[in-house]
Amino acid sequence: MGGRQRAVAGLTGLAVAVLAGVFCFLSWDRANQVAGIVSALVGVVALGTGVLALVSGRDGSVRVVNTGPATAVGAGSHANTGLTAQGGVRGGMEVDGTAEARAEDGGRANTGYDQL
């Protein structure tokens, strides 16, 4: 997990703990009102985040770096230490520092970009 993911997970856990503590000290009716308001706010934030991600202009680029080795054994098997994409990649693509991919007994191996 990356630094941002840890931060989001930590903040989410903290928010859940705070809400659980608040709900413990409220009556059922009051807790229900607070939960409704919090749910509405979270829904609006989730919608805004989704729309922002959609229009943010990210080009769909893919980066594969420093992969480990792979071995395919047998007919129809496939060892891949790079990138395999069906129908191509939208945007830029970088494959760098891939490890060895070996194929034995009729398998396939790829260490770069493989378009299906």
PDB file of N, CA and C in Angstrom:
ATOM      1  N   MET A   1       0.842  -1.168   0.000  1.00  0.00           N
ATOM      2  CA  MET A   1       0.000   0.000   0.000  1.00  0.00           C
ATOM      3  C   MET A   1       0.892   1.237   0.000  1.00  0.00           C
ATOM      4  N   GLY A   2       0.543   2.177  -0.867  1.00  0.00           N
ATOM      5  CA  GLY A   2       1.321   3.402  -0.957  1.00  0.00           C
ATOM      6  C   GLY A   2       0.971   4.381   0.154  1.00  0.00           C
ATOM      7  N   GLY A   3       1.689   5.499   0.193  1.00  0.00           N
ATOM      8  CA  GLY A   3       1.496   6.506   1.221  1.00  0.00           C
ATOM      9  C   GLY A   3       0.108   7.132   1.204  1.00  0.00           C
ATOM     10  N   ARG A   4      -0.391   7.449   0.017  1.00  0.00           N
ATOM     11  CA  ARG A   4      -1.730   8.031  -0.092  1.00  0.00           C
ATOM     12  C   ARG A   4      -2.795   7.035   0.343  1.00  0.00           C
ATOM     13  N   GLN A   5      -2.613   5.780  -0.060  1.00  0.00           N
ATOM     14  CA  GLN A   5      -3.589   4.753   0.305  1.00  0.00           C
ATOM     15  C   GLN A   5      -3.620   4.553   1.809  1.00  0.00           C
ATOM     16  N   ARG A   6      -2.463   4.557   2.440  1.00  0.00           N
ATOM     17  CA  ARG A   6      -2.408   4.438   3.902  1.00  0.00           C
ATOM     18  C   ARG A   6      -3.102   5.614   4.574  1.00  0.00           C
ATOM     19  N   ALA A   7      -2.865   6.808   4.051  1.00  0.00           N
ATOM     20  CA  ALA A   7      -3.487   8.002   4.619  1.00  0.00           C
ATOM     21  C   ALA A   7      -5.006   7.942   4.496  1.00  0.00           C
ATOM     22  N   VAL A   8      -5.501   7.541   3.328  1.00  0.00           N
ATOM     23  CA  VAL A   8      -6.945   7.433   3.134  1.00  0.00           C
ATOM     24  C   VAL A   8      -7.525   6.358   4.043  1.00  0.00           C
ATOM     25  N   ALA A   9      -6.856   5.214   4.133  1.00  0.00           N
ATOM     26  CA  ALA A   9      -7.332   4.139   5.009  1.00  0.00           C
ATOM     27  C   ALA A   9      -7.328   4.588   6.469  1.00  0.00           C
ATOM     28  N   GLY A  10      -6.296   5.288   6.879  1.00  0.00           N
ATOM     29  CA  GLY A  10      -6.217   5.776   8.252  1.00  0.00           C
ATOM     30  C   GLY A  10      -7.296   6.798   8.566  1.00  0.00           C
ATOM     31  N   LEU A  11      -7.509   7.744   7.647  1.00  0.00           N
ATOM     32  CA  LEU A  11      -8.555   8.746   7.854  1.00  0.00           C
ATOM     33  C   LEU A  11      -9.943   8.118   7.848  1.00  0.00           C
ATOM     34  N   THR A  12     -10.150   7.130   7.007  1.00  0.00           N
ATOM     35  CA  THR A  12     -11.437   6.435   6.980  1.00  0.00           C
ATOM     36  C   THR A  12     -11.673   5.703   8.295  1.00  0.00           C
ATOM     37  N   GLY A  13     -10.654   5.013   8.783  1.00  0.00           N
ATOM     38  CA  GLY A  13     -10.777   4.320  10.072  1.00  0.00           C
ATOM     39  C   GLY A  13     -11.038   5.295  11.205  1.00  0.00           C
ATOM     40  N   LEU A  14     -10.373   6.429  11.184  1.00  0.00           N
ATOM     41  CA  LEU A  14     -10.584   7.452  12.208  1.00  0.00           C
ATOM     42  C   LEU A  14     -12.012   7.993  12.154  1.00  0.00           C
ATOM     43  N   ALA A  15     -12.517   8.242  10.949  1.00  0.00           N
ATOM     44  CA  ALA A  15     -13.884   8.738  10.802  1.00  0.00           C
ATOM     45  C   ALA A  15     -14.900   7.727  11.316  1.00  0.00           C
ATOM     46  N   VAL A  16     -14.683   6.448  11.016  1.00  0.00           N
ATOM     47  CA  VAL A  16     -15.577   5.397  11.512  1.00  0.00           C
ATOM     48  C   VAL A  16     -15.535   5.347  13.035  1.00  0.00           C
ATOM     49  N   ALA A  17     -14.354   5.433  13.610  1.00  0.00           N
ATOM     50  CA  ALA A  17     -14.227   5.392  15.077  1.00  0.00           C
ATOM     51  C   ALA A  17     -14.915   6.590  15.727  1.00  0.00           C
ATOM     52  N   VAL A  18     -14.745   7.769  15.151  1.00  0.00           N
ATOM     53  CA  VAL A  18     -15.381   8.966  15.700  1.00  0.00           C
ATOM     54  C   VAL A  18     -16.901   8.844  15.614  1.00  0.00           C
ATOM     55  N   LEU A  19     -17.403   8.418  14.455  1.00  0.00           N
ATOM     56  CA  LEU A  19     -18.853   8.262  14.310  1.00  0.00           C
ATOM     57  C   LEU A  19     -19.403   7.212  15.273  1.00  0.00           C
ATOM     58  N   ALA A  20     -18.685   6.102  15.428  1.00  0.00           N
ATOM     59  CA  ALA A  20     -19.127   5.068  16.369  1.00  0.00           C
ATOM     60  C   ALA A  20     -19.186   5.628  17.784  1.00  0.00           C
ATOM     61  N   GLY A  21     -18.209   6.417  18.171  1.00  0.00           N
ATOM     62  CA  GLY A  21     -18.214   7.040  19.492  1.00  0.00           C
ATOM     63  C   GLY A  21     -19.361   8.013  19.662  1.00  0.00           C
ATOM     64  N   VAL A  22     -19.612   8.812  18.625  1.00  0.00           N
ATOM     65  CA  VAL A  22     -20.719   9.771  18.689  1.00  0.00           C
ATOM     66  C   VAL A  22     -22.045   9.035  18.803  1.00  0.00           C
ATOM     67  N   PHE A  23     -22.234   7.972  18.010  1.00  0.00           N
ATOM     68  CA  PHE A  23     -23.488   7.222  18.038  1.00  0.00           C
ATOM     69  C   PHE A  23     -23.721   6.550  19.384  1.00  0.00           C
ATOM     70  N   CYS A  24     -22.661   6.183  20.078  1.00  0.00           N
ATOM     71  CA  CYS A  24     -22.808   5.542  21.392  1.00  0.00           C
ATOM     72  C   CYS A  24     -23.420   6.480  22.429  1.00  0.00           C
ATOM     73  N   PHE A  25     -23.226   7.781  22.271  1.00  0.00           N
ATOM     74  CA  PHE A  25     -23.704   8.738  23.264  1.00  0.00           C
ATOM     75  C   PHE A  25     -25.010   9.423  22.859  1.00  0.00           C
ATOM     76  N   LEU A  26     -25.561   9.057  21.716  1.00  0.00           N
ATOM     77  CA  LEU A  26     -26.807   9.674  21.261  1.00  0.00           C
ATOM     78  C   LEU A  26     -27.973   8.713  21.436  1.00  0.00           C
ATOM     79  N   SER A  27     -29.156   9.268  21.494  1.00  0.00           N
ATOM     80  CA  SER A  27     -30.348   8.414  21.499  1.00  0.00           C
ATOM     81  C   SER A  27     -30.533   7.837  20.092  1.00  0.00           C
ATOM     82  N   TRP A  28     -31.378   6.815  19.981  1.00  0.00           N
ATOM     83  CA  TRP A  28     -31.585   6.184  18.678  1.00  0.00           C
ATOM     84  C   TRP A  28     -32.123   7.184  17.662  1.00  0.00           C
ATOM     85  N   ASP A  29     -33.048   8.001  18.058  1.00  0.00           N
ATOM     86  CA  ASP A  29     -33.621   8.981  17.126  1.00  0.00           C
ATOM     87  C   ASP A  29     -32.576   9.990  16.656  1.00  0.00           C
ATOM     88  N   ARG A  30     -31.799  10.483  17.586  1.00  0.00           N
ATOM     89  CA  ARG A  30     -30.759  11.466  17.252  1.00  0.00           C
ATOM     90  C   ARG A  30     -29.664  10.822  16.399  1.00  0.00           C
ATOM     91  N   ALA A  31     -29.260   9.598  16.737  1.00  0.00           N
ATOM     92  CA  ALA A  31     -28.241   8.880  15.959  1.00  0.00           C
ATOM     93  C   ALA A  31     -28.732   8.641  14.536  1.00  0.00           C
ATOM     94  N   ASN A  32     -30.018   8.347  14.383  1.00  0.00           N
ATOM     95  CA  ASN A  32     -30.595   8.135  13.062  1.00  0.00           C
ATOM     96  C   ASN A  32     -30.531   9.417  12.235  1.00  0.00           C
ATOM     97  N   GLN A  33     -30.805  10.555  12.845  1.00  0.00           N
ATOM     98  CA  GLN A  33     -30.726  11.831  12.148  1.00  0.00           C
ATOM     99  C   GLN A  33     -29.294  12.143  11.724  1.00  0.00           C
ATOM    100  N   VAL A  34     -28.352  11.940  12.624  1.00  0.00           N
ATOM    101  CA  VAL A  34     -26.938  12.199  12.308  1.00  0.00           C
ATOM    102  C   VAL A  34     -26.470  11.265  11.190  1.00  0.00           C
ATOM    103  N   ALA A  35     -26.864   9.987  11.277  1.00  0.00           N
ATOM    104  CA  ALA A  35     -26.455   9.021  10.247  1.00  0.00           C
ATOM    105  C   ALA A  35     -27.005   9.406   8.880  1.00  0.00           C
ATOM    106  N   GLY A  36     -28.237   9.904   8.826  1.00  0.00           N
ATOM    107  CA  GLY A  36     -28.816  10.339   7.552  1.00  0.00           C
ATOM    108  C   GLY A  36     -28.059  11.498   6.943  1.00  0.00           C
ATOM    109  N   ILE A  37     -27.700  12.463   7.778  1.00  0.00           N
ATOM    110  CA  ILE A  37     -26.950  13.623   7.297  1.00  0.00           C
ATOM    111  C   ILE A  37     -25.554  13.214   6.822  1.00  0.00           C
ATOM    112  N   VAL A  38     -24.885  12.395   7.620  1.00  0.00           N
ATOM    113  CA  VAL A  38     -23.537  11.937   7.239  1.00  0.00           C
ATOM    114  C   VAL A  38     -23.605  11.145   5.937  1.00  0.00           C
ATOM    115  N   SER A  39     -24.612  10.280   5.785  1.00  0.00           N
ATOM    116  CA  SER A  39     -24.756   9.488   4.559  1.00  0.00           C
ATOM    117  C   SER A  39     -24.960  10.388   3.341  1.00  0.00           C
ATOM    118  N   ALA A  40     -25.778  11.411   3.492  1.00  0.00           N
ATOM    119  CA  ALA A  40     -26.005  12.330   2.374  1.00  0.00           C
ATOM    120  C   ALA A  40     -24.718  13.049   1.984  1.00  0.00           C
ATOM    121  N   LEU A  41     -23.971  13.519   2.979  1.00  0.00           N
ATOM    122  CA  LEU A  41     -22.715  14.215   2.693  1.00  0.00           C
ATOM    123  C   LEU A  41     -21.695  13.291   2.030  1.00  0.00           C
ATOM    124  N   VAL A  42     -21.580  12.069   2.532  1.00  0.00           N
ATOM    125  CA  VAL A  42     -20.642  11.106   1.937  1.00  0.00           C
ATOM    126  C   VAL A  42     -21.051  10.787   0.507  1.00  0.00           C
ATOM    127  N   GLY A  43     -22.348  10.670   0.249  1.00  0.00           N
ATOM    128  CA  GLY A  43     -22.818  10.405  -1.115  1.00  0.00           C
ATOM    129  C   GLY A  43     -22.455  11.521  -2.075  1.00  0.00           C
ATOM    130  N   VAL A  44     -22.613  12.765  -1.649  1.00  0.00           N
ATOM    131  CA  VAL A  44     -22.260  13.905  -2.498  1.00  0.00           C
ATOM    132  C   VAL A  44     -20.753  13.942  -2.754  1.00  0.00           C
ATOM    133  N   VAL A  45     -19.959  13.673  -1.714  1.00  0.00           N
ATOM    134  CA  VAL A  45     -18.500  13.638  -1.889  1.00  0.00           C
ATOM    135  C   VAL A  45     -18.100  12.522  -2.851  1.00  0.00           C
ATOM    136  N   ALA A  46     -18.720  11.349  -2.730  1.00  0.00           N
ATOM    137  CA  ALA A  46     -18.406  10.231  -3.622  1.00  0.00           C
ATOM    138  C   ALA A  46     -18.769  10.561  -5.068  1.00  0.00           C
ATOM    139  N   LEU A  47     -19.916  11.181  -5.272  1.00  0.00           N
ATOM    140  CA  LEU A  47     -20.318  11.585  -6.617  1.00  0.00           C
ATOM    141  C   LEU A  47     -19.340  12.602  -7.193  1.00  0.00           C
ATOM    142  N   GLY A  48     -18.976  13.592  -6.398  1.00  0.00           N
ATOM    143  CA  GLY A  48     -18.017  14.594  -6.860  1.00  0.00           C
ATOM    144  C   GLY A  48     -16.663  13.994  -7.192  1.00  0.00           C
ATOM    145  N   THR A  49     -16.217  13.054  -6.371  1.00  0.00           N
ATOM    146  CA  THR A  49     -14.934  12.394  -6.625  1.00  0.00           C
ATOM    147  C   THR A  49     -14.974  11.604  -7.928  1.00  0.00           C
ATOM    148  N   GLY A  50     -16.073  10.909  -8.163  1.00  0.00           N
ATOM    149  CA  GLY A  50     -16.214  10.146  -9.410  1.00  0.00           C
ATOM    150  C   GLY A  50     -16.211  11.035 -10.630  1.00  0.00           C
ATOM    151  N   VAL A  51     -16.947  12.137 -10.575  1.00  0.00           N
ATOM    152  CA  VAL A  51     -16.989  13.071 -11.699  1.00  0.00           C
ATOM    153  C   VAL A  51     -15.619  13.706 -11.908  1.00  0.00           C
ATOM    154  N   LEU A  52     -14.946  14.055 -10.827  1.00  0.00           N
ATOM    155  CA  LEU A  52     -13.606  14.636 -10.934  1.00  0.00           C
ATOM    156  C   LEU A  52     -12.632  13.660 -11.594  1.00  0.00           C
ATOM    157  N   ALA A  53     -12.702  12.402 -11.207  1.00  0.00           N
ATOM    158  CA  ALA A  53     -11.831  11.398 -11.820  1.00  0.00           C
ATOM    159  C   ALA A  53     -12.133  11.229 -13.304  1.00  0.00           C
ATOM    160  N   LEU A  54     -13.400  11.351 -13.662  1.00  0.00           N
ATOM    161  CA  LEU A  54     -13.806  11.195 -15.054  1.00  0.00           C
ATOM    162  C   LEU A  54     -13.308  12.335 -15.930  1.00  0.00           C
ATOM    163  N   VAL A  55     -13.336  13.548 -15.418  1.00  0.00           N
ATOM    164  CA  VAL A  55     -12.971  14.717 -16.233  1.00  0.00           C
ATOM    165  C   VAL A  55     -11.572  15.245 -15.949  1.00  0.00           C
ATOM    166  N   SER A  56     -10.798  14.532 -15.153  1.00  0.00           N
ATOM    167  CA  SER A  56      -9.496  15.058 -14.751  1.00  0.00           C
ATOM    168  C   SER A  56      -8.475  15.107 -15.876  1.00  0.00           C
ATOM    169  N   GLY A  57      -8.782  14.497 -17.013  1.00  0.00           N
ATOM    170  CA  GLY A  57      -7.867  14.580 -18.136  1.00  0.00           C
ATOM    171  C   GLY A  57      -6.733  13.570 -18.088  1.00  0.00           C
ATOM    172  N   ARG A  58      -6.819  12.581 -17.227  1.00  0.00           N
ATOM    173  CA  ARG A  58      -5.772  11.561 -17.202  1.00  0.00           C
ATOM    174  C   ARG A  58      -5.806  10.819 -18.520  1.00  0.00           C
ATOM    175  N   ASP A  59      -4.649  10.528 -19.038  1.00  0.00           N
ATOM    176  CA  ASP A  59      -4.569   9.945 -20.365  1.00  0.00           C
ATOM    177  C   ASP A  59      -4.628   8.429 -20.380  1.00  0.00           C
ATOM    178  N   GLY A  60      -4.761   7.785 -19.261  1.00  0.00           N
ATOM    179  CA  GLY A  60      -4.828   6.332 -19.234  1.00  0.00           C
ATOM    180  C   GLY A  60      -3.478   5.675 -19.444  1.00  0.00           C
ATOM    181  N   SER A  61      -2.399   6.383 -19.183  1.00  0.00           N
ATOM    182  CA  SER A  61      -1.077   5.819 -19.396  1.00  0.00           C
ATOM    183  C   SER A  61      -0.789   4.715 -18.379  1.00  0.00           C
ATOM    184  N   VAL A  62       0.063   3.778 -18.778  1.00  0.00           N
ATOM    185  CA  VAL A  62       0.415   2.628 -17.961  1.00  0.00           C
ATOM    186  C   VAL A  62       1.925   2.594 -17.795  1.00  0.00           C
ATOM    187  N   ARG A  63       2.382   2.294 -16.567  1.00  0.00           N
ATOM    188  CA  ARG A  63       3.809   2.207 -16.292  1.00  0.00           C
ATOM    189  C   ARG A  63       4.088   0.901 -15.568  1.00  0.00           C
ATOM    190  N   VAL A  64       4.958   0.071 -16.140  1.00  0.00           N
ATOM    191  CA  VAL A  64       5.372  -1.198 -15.536  1.00  0.00           C
ATOM    192  C   VAL A  64       6.873  -1.127 -15.324  1.00  0.00           C
ATOM    193  N   VAL A  65       7.322  -1.221 -14.053  1.00  0.00           N
ATOM    194  CA  VAL A  65       8.729  -1.024 -13.739  1.00  0.00           C
ATOM    195  C   VAL A  65       9.186  -2.063 -12.722  1.00  0.00           C
ATOM    196  N   ASN A  66      10.400  -2.582 -12.916  1.00  0.00           N
ATOM    197  CA  ASN A  66      11.077  -3.466 -11.966  1.00  0.00           C
ATOM    198  C   ASN A  66      10.235  -4.665 -11.533  1.00  0.00           C
ATOM    199  N   THR A  67       9.892  -5.491 -12.484  1.00  0.00           N
ATOM    200  CA  THR A  67       9.090  -6.679 -12.196  1.00  0.00           C
ATOM    201  C   THR A  67       9.988  -7.854 -11.834  1.00  0.00           C
ATOM    202  N   GLY A  68       9.405  -8.902 -11.318  1.00  0.00           N
ATOM    203  CA  GLY A  68      10.141 -10.112 -10.970  1.00  0.00           C
ATOM    204  C   GLY A  68      10.115 -11.109 -12.110  1.00  0.00           C
ATOM    205  N   PRO A  69      10.885 -12.194 -12.011  1.00  0.00           N
ATOM    206  CA  PRO A  69      10.956 -13.192 -13.076  1.00  0.00           C
ATOM    207  C   PRO A  69       9.677 -14.039 -13.150  1.00  0.00           C
ATOM    208  N   ALA A  70       9.454 -14.631 -14.326  1.00  0.00           N
ATOM    209  CA  ALA A  70       8.299 -15.512 -14.520  1.00  0.00           C
ATOM    210  C   ALA A  70       8.687 -16.647 -15.452  1.00  0.00           C
ATOM    211  N   THR A  71       8.113 -17.833 -15.222  1.00  0.00           N
ATOM    212  CA  THR A  71       8.377 -18.998 -16.059  1.00  0.00           C
ATOM    213  C   THR A  71       7.055 -19.654 -16.423  1.00  0.00           C
ATOM    214  N   ALA A  72       6.894 -19.963 -17.715  1.00  0.00           N
ATOM    215  CA  ALA A  72       5.710 -20.674 -18.192  1.00  0.00           C
ATOM    216  C   ALA A  72       6.141 -22.068 -18.622  1.00  0.00           C
ATOM    217  N   VAL A  73       5.447 -23.077 -18.130  1.00  0.00           N
ATOM    218  CA  VAL A  73       5.777 -24.455 -18.475  1.00  0.00           C
ATOM    219  C   VAL A  73       4.527 -25.123 -19.035  1.00  0.00           C
ATOM    220  N   GLY A  74       4.640 -25.645 -20.240  1.00  0.00           N
ATOM    221  CA  GLY A  74       3.536 -26.363 -20.854  1.00  0.00           C
ATOM    222  C   GLY A  74       2.877 -25.574 -21.964  1.00  0.00           C
ATOM    223  N   ALA A  75       2.262 -26.322 -22.886  1.00  0.00           N
ATOM    224  CA  ALA A  75       1.585 -25.713 -24.019  1.00  0.00           C
ATOM    225  C   ALA A  75       0.441 -24.829 -23.530  1.00  0.00           C
ATOM    226  N   GLY A  76       0.328 -23.642 -24.102  1.00  0.00           N
ATOM    227  CA  GLY A  76      -0.735 -22.722 -23.755  1.00  0.00           C
ATOM    228  C   GLY A  76      -0.442 -21.836 -22.553  1.00  0.00           C
ATOM    229  N   SER A  77       0.659 -22.073 -21.857  1.00  0.00           N
ATOM    230  CA  SER A  77       0.986 -21.241 -20.695  1.00  0.00           C
ATOM    231  C   SER A  77       1.674 -19.961 -21.159  1.00  0.00           C
ATOM    232  N   HIS A  78       1.666 -18.950 -20.294  1.00  0.00           N
ATOM    233  CA  HIS A  78       2.199 -17.646 -20.673  1.00  0.00           C
ATOM    234  C   HIS A  78       2.911 -17.018 -19.482  1.00  0.00           C
ATOM    235  N   ALA A  79       4.197 -16.721 -19.634  1.00  0.00           N
ATOM    236  CA  ALA A  79       4.966 -16.013 -18.614  1.00  0.00           C
ATOM    237  C   ALA A  79       5.090 -14.565 -19.053  1.00  0.00           C
ATOM    238  N   ASN A  80       4.746 -13.628 -18.155  1.00  0.00           N
ATOM    239  CA  ASN A  80       4.745 -12.223 -18.517  1.00  0.00           C
ATOM    240  C   ASN A  80       5.360 -11.405 -17.384  1.00  0.00           C
ATOM    241  N   THR A  81       6.410 -10.666 -17.670  1.00  0.00           N
ATOM    242  CA  THR A  81       6.975  -9.749 -16.685  1.00  0.00           C
ATOM    243  C   THR A  81       6.820  -8.308 -17.145  1.00  0.00           C
ATOM    244  N   GLY A  82       6.117  -8.116 -18.247  1.00  0.00           N
ATOM    245  CA  GLY A  82       5.887  -6.771 -18.774  1.00  0.00           C
ATOM    246  C   GLY A  82       4.425  -6.410 -18.700  1.00  0.00           C
ATOM    247  N   LEU A  83       3.839  -6.096 -19.840  1.00  0.00           N
ATOM    248  CA  LEU A  83       2.450  -5.660 -19.925  1.00  0.00           C
ATOM    249  C   LEU A  83       1.746  -6.439 -21.013  1.00  0.00           C
ATOM    250  N   THR A  84       0.621  -7.032 -20.696  1.00  0.00           N
ATOM    251  CA  THR A  84      -0.244  -7.669 -21.679  1.00  0.00           C
ATOM    252  C   THR A  84      -1.566  -6.927 -21.665  1.00  0.00           C
ATOM    253  N   ALA A  85      -1.976  -6.422 -22.818  1.00  0.00           N
ATOM    254  CA  ALA A  85      -3.217  -5.657 -22.898  1.00  0.00           C
ATOM    255  C   ALA A  85      -4.044  -6.145 -24.069  1.00  0.00           C
ATOM    256  N   GLN A  86      -5.327  -6.261 -23.834  1.00  0.00           N
ATOM    257  CA  GLN A  86      -6.228  -6.664 -24.898  1.00  0.00           C
ATOM    258  C   GLN A  86      -6.757  -5.418 -25.579  1.00  0.00           C
ATOM    259  N   GLY A  87      -6.469  -5.284 -26.856  1.00  0.00           N
ATOM    260  CA  GLY A  87      -6.957  -4.143 -27.605  1.00  0.00           C
ATOM    261  C   GLY A  87      -6.106  -2.891 -27.483  1.00  0.00           C
ATOM    262  N   GLY A  88      -4.958  -2.967 -26.877  1.00  0.00           N
ATOM    263  CA  GLY A  88      -4.073  -1.816 -26.785  1.00  0.00           C
ATOM    264  C   GLY A  88      -4.263  -1.014 -25.508  1.00  0.00           C
ATOM    265  N   VAL A  89      -3.439   0.009 -25.357  1.00  0.00           N
ATOM    266  CA  VAL A  89      -3.446   0.865 -24.172  1.00  0.00           C
ATOM    267  C   VAL A  89      -3.797   2.274 -24.602  1.00  0.00           C
ATOM    268  N   ARG A  90      -4.763   2.895 -23.909  1.00  0.00           N
ATOM    269  CA  ARG A  90      -5.128   4.282 -24.189  1.00  0.00           C
ATOM    270  C   ARG A  90      -4.105   5.182 -23.506  1.00  0.00           C
ATOM    271  N   GLY A  91      -3.452   6.018 -24.256  1.00  0.00           N
ATOM    272  CA  GLY A  91      -2.457   6.916 -23.671  1.00  0.00           C
ATOM    273  C   GLY A  91      -1.065   6.344 -23.801  1.00  0.00           C
ATOM    274  N   GLY A  92      -0.164   6.849 -22.983  1.00  0.00           N
ATOM    275  CA  GLY A  92       1.232   6.436 -23.038  1.00  0.00           C
ATOM    276  C   GLY A  92       1.478   5.109 -22.349  1.00  0.00           C
ATOM    277  N   MET A  93       2.626   4.552 -22.618  1.00  0.00           N
ATOM    278  CA  MET A  93       2.987   3.273 -22.040  1.00  0.00           C
ATOM    279  C   MET A  93       4.489   3.241 -21.807  1.00  0.00           C
ATOM    280  N   GLU A  94       4.894   2.735 -20.628  1.00  0.00           N
ATOM    281  CA  GLU A  94       6.311   2.589 -20.307  1.00  0.00           C
ATOM    282  C   GLU A  94       6.519   1.236 -19.650  1.00  0.00           C
ATOM    283  N   VAL A  95       7.434   0.458 -20.219  1.00  0.00           N
ATOM    284  CA  VAL A  95       7.821  -0.825 -19.642  1.00  0.00           C
ATOM    285  C   VAL A  95       9.329  -0.776 -19.478  1.00  0.00           C
ATOM    286  N   ASP A  96       9.808  -0.808 -18.209  1.00  0.00           N
ATOM    287  CA  ASP A  96      11.228  -0.619 -17.952  1.00  0.00           C
ATOM    288  C   ASP A  96      11.669  -1.495 -16.787  1.00  0.00           C
ATOM    289  N   GLY A  97      12.836  -2.092 -16.900  1.00  0.00           N
ATOM    290  CA  GLY A  97      13.407  -2.872 -15.808  1.00  0.00           C
ATOM    291  C   GLY A  97      12.682  -4.177 -15.557  1.00  0.00           C
ATOM    292  N   THR A  98      12.150  -4.792 -16.603  1.00  0.00           N
ATOM    293  CA  THR A  98      11.456  -6.057 -16.407  1.00  0.00           C
ATOM    294  C   THR A  98      12.463  -7.195 -16.280  1.00  0.00           C
ATOM    295  N   ALA A  99      12.072  -8.202 -15.531  1.00  0.00           N
ATOM    296  CA  ALA A  99      12.950  -9.351 -15.298  1.00  0.00           C
ATOM    297  C   ALA A  99      12.782 -10.380 -16.422  1.00  0.00           C
ATOM    298  N   GLU A 100      13.487 -11.471 -16.294  1.00  0.00           N
ATOM    299  CA  GLU A 100      13.467 -12.531 -17.302  1.00  0.00           C
ATOM    300  C   GLU A 100      12.131 -13.262 -17.292  1.00  0.00           C
ATOM    301  N   ALA A 101      11.618 -13.514 -18.485  1.00  0.00           N
ATOM    302  CA  ALA A 101      10.433 -14.354 -18.651  1.00  0.00           C
ATOM    303  C   ALA A 101      10.856 -15.545 -19.502  1.00  0.00           C
ATOM    304  N   ARG A 102      10.621 -16.756 -18.994  1.00  0.00           N
ATOM    305  CA  ARG A 102      11.030 -17.965 -19.716  1.00  0.00           C
ATOM    306  C   ARG A 102       9.800 -18.799 -20.047  1.00  0.00           C
ATOM    307  N   ALA A 103       9.875 -19.465 -21.200  1.00  0.00           N
ATOM    308  CA  ALA A 103       8.812 -20.364 -21.613  1.00  0.00           C
ATOM    309  C   ALA A 103       9.421 -21.723 -21.953  1.00  0.00           C
ATOM    310  N   GLU A 104       8.817 -22.776 -21.425  1.00  0.00           N
ATOM    311  CA  GLU A 104       9.287 -24.138 -21.681  1.00  0.00           C
ATOM    312  C   GLU A 104       8.120 -24.991 -22.162  1.00  0.00           C
ATOM    313  N   ASP A 105       8.422 -25.974 -22.978  1.00  0.00           N
ATOM    314  CA  ASP A 105       7.450 -26.972 -23.439  1.00  0.00           C
ATOM    315  C   ASP A 105       6.226 -26.344 -24.109  1.00  0.00           C
ATOM    316  N   GLY A 106       6.456 -25.378 -24.990  1.00  0.00           N
ATOM    317  CA  GLY A 106       5.367 -24.802 -25.772  1.00  0.00           C
ATOM    318  C   GLY A 106       4.695 -23.592 -25.170  1.00  0.00           C
ATOM    319  N   GLY A 107       5.227 -23.043 -24.100  1.00  0.00           N
ATOM    320  CA  GLY A 107       4.642 -21.845 -23.496  1.00  0.00           C
ATOM    321  C   GLY A 107       5.092 -20.589 -24.218  1.00  0.00           C
ATOM    322  N   ARG A 108       4.566 -19.450 -23.796  1.00  0.00           N
ATOM    323  CA  ARG A 108       4.931 -18.152 -24.347  1.00  0.00           C
ATOM    324  C   ARG A 108       5.542 -17.295 -23.260  1.00  0.00           C
ATOM    325  N   ALA A 109       6.479 -16.414 -23.632  1.00  0.00           N
ATOM    326  CA  ALA A 109       7.111 -15.524 -22.666  1.00  0.00           C
ATOM    327  C   ALA A 109       7.122 -14.102 -23.206  1.00  0.00           C
ATOM    328  N   ASN A 110       6.952 -13.120 -22.298  1.00  0.00           N
ATOM    329  CA  ASN A 110       6.938 -11.721 -22.675  1.00  0.00           C
ATOM    330  C   ASN A 110       7.608 -10.895 -21.583  1.00  0.00           C
ATOM    331  N   THR A 111       8.527 -10.031 -21.980  1.00  0.00           N
ATOM    332  CA  THR A 111       9.137  -9.126 -21.005  1.00  0.00           C
ATOM    333  C   THR A 111       8.869  -7.668 -21.341  1.00  0.00           C
ATOM    334  N   GLY A 112       8.190  -7.417 -22.420  1.00  0.00           N
ATOM    335  CA  GLY A 112       7.905  -6.038 -22.814  1.00  0.00           C
ATOM    336  C   GLY A 112       6.421  -5.792 -22.880  1.00  0.00           C
ATOM    337  N   TYR A 113       5.938  -5.459 -24.081  1.00  0.00           N
ATOM    338  CA  TYR A 113       4.522  -5.183 -24.297  1.00  0.00           C
ATOM    339  C   TYR A 113       3.954  -6.245 -25.205  1.00  0.00           C
ATOM    340  N   ASP A 114       2.871  -6.851 -24.797  1.00  0.00           N
ATOM    341  CA  ASP A 114       2.231  -7.911 -25.558  1.00  0.00           C
ATOM    342  C   ASP A 114       0.768  -7.535 -25.740  1.00  0.00           C
ATOM    343  N   GLN A 115       0.365  -7.277 -26.993  1.00  0.00           N
ATOM    344  CA  GLN A 115      -1.025  -6.920 -27.262  1.00  0.00           C
ATOM    345  C   GLN A 115      -1.764  -8.142 -27.762  1.00  0.00           C
ATOM    346  N   LEU A 116      -2.843  -8.482 -27.084  1.00  0.00           N
ATOM    347  CA  LEU A 116      -3.661  -9.639 -27.483  1.00  0.00           C
ATOM    348  C   LEU A 116      -4.688  -9.251 -28.515  1.00  0.00           C
TER     349      LEU A 116
END
